[in-house]
Amino acid sequence: IPIEAYAVVPISDFGYRGQKTPRSIIIAGKVNGKIKVTITDEKEATREYLSQDLKNDDGIKLALRSDQRSRYFKVKIGNEEGSDFSIDSIDLNFIPGPEASK
């Protein structure tokens, strides 16, 4: 029986007060199967990304669509079909827009 597992990064502006566009995500760790990354913005618009079937100790890097722009994002990283994975670190890269005034 496949076991669903996931980790959620709570909604955050990731230290940048302006609008931004997610560009790529790098997940360091072990992967044995497919990983699904879900990115939700502050207006609840959601984009899902599915990795290819992997088996490595290097993790994954996924290119993200450039049509999602917001100040705040929530990120969910989970397995697909019960695949096994572990996370050592997550790097979410953005294209910054103008920073909001204080």
N, C-alpha and C. Protein backbone atom coordinates (compact mmCIF):
# COMPACT_ATOMS: atom_id res chain seq x y z
N ILE A 1 0.85 -1.18 0.00
CA ILE A 1 0.00 0.00 0.00
C ILE A 1 0.90 1.24 0.00
N PRO A 2 0.76 2.11 -1.01
CA PRO A 2 1.57 3.35 -1.03
C PRO A 2 1.23 4.26 0.15
N ILE A 3 2.24 4.84 0.73
CA ILE A 3 2.07 5.76 1.85
C ILE A 3 2.32 7.17 1.36
N GLU A 4 1.34 8.06 1.56
CA GLU A 4 1.49 9.46 1.18
C GLU A 4 2.31 10.18 2.23
N ALA A 5 3.36 10.86 1.78
CA ALA A 5 4.21 11.64 2.69
C ALA A 5 4.48 12.99 2.05
N TYR A 6 4.55 14.02 2.89
CA TYR A 6 4.83 15.36 2.36
C TYR A 6 5.36 16.27 3.46
N ALA A 7 5.99 17.35 3.03
CA ALA A 7 6.44 18.41 3.93
C ALA A 7 5.90 19.72 3.37
N VAL A 8 5.50 20.63 4.27
CA VAL A 8 4.93 21.91 3.85
C VAL A 8 5.76 23.05 4.43
N VAL A 9 6.16 23.96 3.55
CA VAL A 9 6.78 25.21 3.99
C VAL A 9 5.63 26.21 4.11
N PRO A 10 5.34 26.71 5.33
CA PRO A 10 4.20 27.59 5.52
C PRO A 10 4.31 28.85 4.66
N ILE A 11 3.19 29.53 4.47
CA ILE A 11 3.16 30.73 3.64
C ILE A 11 4.17 31.74 4.16
N SER A 12 4.95 32.29 3.23
CA SER A 12 6.04 33.19 3.61
C SER A 12 6.35 34.13 2.45
N ASP A 13 6.99 35.25 2.78
CA ASP A 13 7.49 36.12 1.72
C ASP A 13 8.97 35.83 1.45
N PHE A 14 9.53 34.84 2.14
CA PHE A 14 10.89 34.37 1.96
C PHE A 14 11.92 35.50 2.09
N GLY A 15 11.60 36.45 2.95
CA GLY A 15 12.54 37.52 3.25
C GLY A 15 12.59 38.65 2.24
N TYR A 16 11.71 38.62 1.25
CA TYR A 16 11.67 39.69 0.25
C TYR A 16 10.27 40.25 0.21
N ARG A 17 10.12 41.54 0.49
CA ARG A 17 8.81 42.16 0.69
C ARG A 17 8.04 42.44 -0.60
N GLY A 18 8.66 42.30 -1.74
CA GLY A 18 7.99 42.61 -3.00
C GLY A 18 7.39 41.40 -3.68
N GLN A 19 6.76 41.66 -4.82
CA GLN A 19 6.25 40.59 -5.67
C GLN A 19 7.43 39.81 -6.24
N LYS A 20 7.24 38.54 -6.46
CA LYS A 20 8.30 37.70 -7.01
C LYS A 20 7.68 36.56 -7.79
N THR A 21 8.49 35.96 -8.66
CA THR A 21 8.06 34.84 -9.47
C THR A 21 8.96 33.65 -9.17
N PRO A 22 8.40 32.52 -8.71
CA PRO A 22 9.24 31.34 -8.49
C PRO A 22 9.86 30.88 -9.81
N ARG A 23 11.15 30.58 -9.81
CA ARG A 23 11.84 30.21 -11.05
C ARG A 23 12.31 28.77 -11.06
N SER A 24 12.86 28.30 -9.92
CA SER A 24 13.31 26.91 -9.83
C SER A 24 13.34 26.50 -8.36
N ILE A 25 13.32 25.19 -8.15
CA ILE A 25 13.44 24.66 -6.80
C ILE A 25 14.46 23.52 -6.84
N ILE A 26 15.35 23.54 -5.86
CA ILE A 26 16.34 22.48 -5.71
C ILE A 26 16.08 21.82 -4.36
N ILE A 27 15.87 20.52 -4.40
CA ILE A 27 15.62 19.75 -3.18
C ILE A 27 16.78 18.77 -3.02
N ALA A 28 17.64 19.02 -2.05
CA ALA A 28 18.76 18.13 -1.79
C ALA A 28 18.29 17.01 -0.87
N GLY A 29 18.70 15.80 -1.17
CA GLY A 29 18.32 14.65 -0.36
C GLY A 29 18.29 13.39 -1.21
N LYS A 30 17.62 12.38 -0.71
CA LYS A 30 17.50 11.10 -1.42
C LYS A 30 16.13 11.00 -2.05
N VAL A 31 16.11 10.48 -3.26
CA VAL A 31 14.85 10.31 -4.00
C VAL A 31 14.83 8.91 -4.60
N ASN A 32 13.72 8.22 -4.42
CA ASN A 32 13.52 6.93 -5.05
C ASN A 32 12.10 6.91 -5.60
N GLY A 33 11.93 7.48 -6.77
CA GLY A 33 10.60 7.58 -7.38
C GLY A 33 10.34 9.00 -7.84
N LYS A 34 9.07 9.38 -7.85
CA LYS A 34 8.67 10.71 -8.31
C LYS A 34 8.32 11.61 -7.13
N ILE A 35 8.68 12.89 -7.26
CA ILE A 35 8.37 13.90 -6.25
C ILE A 35 7.44 14.93 -6.87
N LYS A 36 6.41 15.32 -6.12
CA LYS A 36 5.49 16.37 -6.58
C LYS A 36 5.70 17.62 -5.74
N VAL A 37 5.89 18.75 -6.42
CA VAL A 37 6.04 20.05 -5.76
C VAL A 37 4.81 20.88 -6.10
N THR A 38 4.15 21.41 -5.08
CA THR A 38 2.97 22.26 -5.27
C THR A 38 3.28 23.62 -4.69
N ILE A 39 3.11 24.66 -5.51
CA ILE A 39 3.35 26.03 -5.07
C ILE A 39 2.04 26.79 -5.14
N THR A 40 1.65 27.37 -4.01
CA THR A 40 0.39 28.11 -3.90
C THR A 40 0.71 29.54 -3.50
N ASP A 41 0.10 30.50 -4.21
CA ASP A 41 0.35 31.90 -3.87
C ASP A 41 -0.72 32.41 -2.91
N GLU A 42 -0.61 33.68 -2.54
CA GLU A 42 -1.51 34.25 -1.53
C GLU A 42 -2.97 34.33 -1.99
N LYS A 43 -3.22 34.23 -3.29
CA LYS A 43 -4.59 34.23 -3.82
C LYS A 43 -5.09 32.82 -4.06
N GLU A 44 -4.36 31.82 -3.54
CA GLU A 44 -4.69 30.40 -3.64
C GLU A 44 -4.54 29.82 -5.05
N ALA A 45 -3.88 30.55 -5.96
CA ALA A 45 -3.56 29.98 -7.27
C ALA A 45 -2.46 28.95 -7.06
N THR A 46 -2.63 27.76 -7.62
CA THR A 46 -1.73 26.65 -7.37
C THR A 46 -1.13 26.12 -8.67
N ARG A 47 0.14 25.80 -8.62
CA ARG A 47 0.83 25.14 -9.74
C ARG A 47 1.47 23.87 -9.19
N GLU A 48 1.34 22.77 -9.93
CA GLU A 48 1.95 21.50 -9.52
C GLU A 48 3.02 21.10 -10.52
N TYR A 49 4.09 20.53 -9.99
CA TYR A 49 5.22 20.08 -10.80
C TYR A 49 5.57 18.67 -10.36
N LEU A 50 5.75 17.78 -11.32
CA LEU A 50 6.07 16.38 -11.03
C LEU A 50 7.43 16.05 -11.63
N SER A 51 8.31 15.51 -10.81
CA SER A 51 9.64 15.14 -11.29
C SER A 51 9.54 13.86 -12.11
N GLN A 52 10.60 13.59 -12.83
CA GLN A 52 10.69 12.30 -13.49
C GLN A 52 10.97 11.23 -12.43
N ASP A 53 10.89 9.98 -12.81
CA ASP A 53 11.17 8.87 -11.90
C ASP A 53 12.68 8.84 -11.63
N LEU A 54 13.07 9.06 -10.38
CA LEU A 54 14.48 9.19 -10.02
C LEU A 54 14.89 8.15 -8.99
N LYS A 55 16.17 7.84 -8.97
CA LYS A 55 16.75 7.04 -7.90
C LYS A 55 18.17 7.55 -7.70
N ASN A 56 18.34 8.44 -6.72
CA ASN A 56 19.66 9.02 -6.48
C ASN A 56 19.77 9.59 -5.08
N ASP A 57 20.98 9.99 -4.73
CA ASP A 57 21.25 10.62 -3.44
C ASP A 57 21.52 12.11 -3.61
N ASP A 58 21.26 12.64 -4.79
CA ASP A 58 21.57 14.03 -5.11
C ASP A 58 20.37 14.96 -5.06
N GLY A 59 19.16 14.42 -4.94
CA GLY A 59 17.97 15.25 -4.94
C GLY A 59 17.54 15.61 -6.35
N ILE A 60 16.79 16.71 -6.46
CA ILE A 60 16.23 17.10 -7.76
C ILE A 60 16.29 18.62 -7.93
N LYS A 61 16.22 19.03 -9.18
CA LYS A 61 16.04 20.44 -9.52
C LYS A 61 14.91 20.49 -10.53
N LEU A 62 13.91 21.33 -10.26
CA LEU A 62 12.78 21.50 -11.17
C LEU A 62 12.70 22.95 -11.63
N ALA A 63 12.56 23.15 -12.93
CA ALA A 63 12.27 24.48 -13.47
C ALA A 63 10.79 24.75 -13.22
N LEU A 64 10.46 25.98 -12.85
CA LEU A 64 9.07 26.35 -12.55
C LEU A 64 8.55 27.32 -13.59
N ARG A 65 7.25 27.29 -13.81
CA ARG A 65 6.62 28.19 -14.78
C ARG A 65 6.76 29.63 -14.30
N SER A 66 6.83 30.55 -15.25
CA SER A 66 7.03 31.95 -14.89
C SER A 66 5.74 32.77 -14.90
N ASP A 67 4.59 32.11 -14.80
CA ASP A 67 3.32 32.83 -14.85
C ASP A 67 2.67 33.01 -13.48
N GLN A 68 3.39 32.75 -12.41
CA GLN A 68 2.85 32.89 -11.06
C GLN A 68 3.65 33.97 -10.34
N ARG A 69 2.96 35.06 -9.96
CA ARG A 69 3.63 36.20 -9.33
C ARG A 69 2.83 36.60 -8.09
N SER A 70 3.53 36.75 -6.98
CA SER A 70 2.89 37.08 -5.72
C SER A 70 3.95 37.52 -4.73
N ARG A 71 3.51 38.02 -3.58
CA ARG A 71 4.46 38.32 -2.50
C ARG A 71 4.66 37.10 -1.62
N TYR A 72 3.59 36.37 -1.35
CA TYR A 72 3.64 35.23 -0.44
C TYR A 72 3.39 33.92 -1.19
N PHE A 73 4.11 32.86 -0.77
CA PHE A 73 3.94 31.54 -1.34
C PHE A 73 3.99 30.48 -0.26
N LYS A 74 3.29 29.38 -0.51
CA LYS A 74 3.37 28.18 0.32
C LYS A 74 3.87 27.06 -0.60
N VAL A 75 4.75 26.21 -0.09
CA VAL A 75 5.34 25.14 -0.88
C VAL A 75 5.06 23.80 -0.20
N LYS A 76 4.57 22.84 -0.97
CA LYS A 76 4.35 21.48 -0.48
C LYS A 76 5.18 20.53 -1.34
N ILE A 77 5.96 19.70 -0.68
CA ILE A 77 6.78 18.70 -1.37
C ILE A 77 6.32 17.34 -0.89
N GLY A 78 5.91 16.50 -1.84
CA GLY A 78 5.39 15.19 -1.46
C GLY A 78 5.81 14.11 -2.42
N ASN A 79 5.51 12.89 -2.02
CA ASN A 79 5.84 11.76 -2.88
C ASN A 79 4.67 11.45 -3.82
N GLU A 80 4.95 10.72 -4.84
CA GLU A 80 3.95 10.29 -5.81
C GLU A 80 3.96 8.76 -5.82
N GLU A 81 2.79 8.16 -5.67
CA GLU A 81 2.64 6.70 -5.68
C GLU A 81 3.47 6.03 -4.59
N GLY A 82 3.63 6.69 -3.45
CA GLY A 82 4.33 6.10 -2.32
C GLY A 82 5.84 6.07 -2.43
N SER A 83 6.41 6.84 -3.35
CA SER A 83 7.86 6.83 -3.50
C SER A 83 8.55 7.31 -2.23
N ASP A 84 9.78 6.83 -2.03
CA ASP A 84 10.54 7.14 -0.83
C ASP A 84 11.42 8.36 -1.09
N PHE A 85 11.49 9.28 -0.13
CA PHE A 85 12.36 10.45 -0.27
C PHE A 85 12.73 11.00 1.09
N SER A 86 13.84 11.72 1.12
CA SER A 86 14.22 12.47 2.32
C SER A 86 14.72 13.83 1.85
N ILE A 87 14.56 14.83 2.71
CA ILE A 87 14.94 16.20 2.35
C ILE A 87 16.04 16.67 3.29
N ASP A 88 17.16 17.10 2.70
CA ASP A 88 18.24 17.70 3.47
C ASP A 88 18.12 19.22 3.47
N SER A 89 17.77 19.79 2.31
CA SER A 89 17.59 21.23 2.20
C SER A 89 16.72 21.55 0.99
N ILE A 90 16.15 22.75 1.02
CA ILE A 90 15.30 23.23 -0.07
C ILE A 90 15.78 24.63 -0.44
N ASP A 91 16.04 24.84 -1.73
CA ASP A 91 16.37 26.17 -2.24
C ASP A 91 15.31 26.54 -3.26
N LEU A 92 14.55 27.58 -2.96
CA LEU A 92 13.53 28.08 -3.89
C LEU A 92 14.06 29.39 -4.46
N ASN A 93 14.27 29.42 -5.76
CA ASN A 93 14.85 30.59 -6.42
C ASN A 93 13.74 31.42 -7.07
N PHE A 94 13.84 32.75 -6.91
CA PHE A 94 12.82 33.66 -7.41
C PHE A 94 13.41 34.66 -8.39
N ILE A 95 12.55 35.22 -9.23
CA ILE A 95 12.86 36.41 -10.00
C ILE A 95 12.17 37.54 -9.25
N PRO A 96 12.91 38.47 -8.64
CA PRO A 96 12.29 39.52 -7.84
C PRO A 96 11.68 40.62 -8.69
N GLY A 97 10.59 41.16 -8.19
CA GLY A 97 9.99 42.37 -8.76
C GLY A 97 10.34 43.53 -7.85
N PRO A 98 9.69 44.69 -8.03
CA PRO A 98 9.99 45.83 -7.16
C PRO A 98 9.63 45.51 -5.71
N GLU A 99 10.49 45.93 -4.80
CA GLU A 99 10.24 45.67 -3.38
C GLU A 99 9.18 46.64 -2.86
N ALA A 100 8.27 46.14 -2.04
CA ALA A 100 7.21 46.96 -1.46
C ALA A 100 7.81 47.97 -0.48
N SER A 101 7.21 49.12 -0.39
CA SER A 101 7.69 50.12 0.56
C SER A 101 7.33 49.70 1.98
N LYS A 102 8.11 50.19 2.94
CA LYS A 102 7.93 49.78 4.33
C LYS A 102 6.79 50.48 4.99
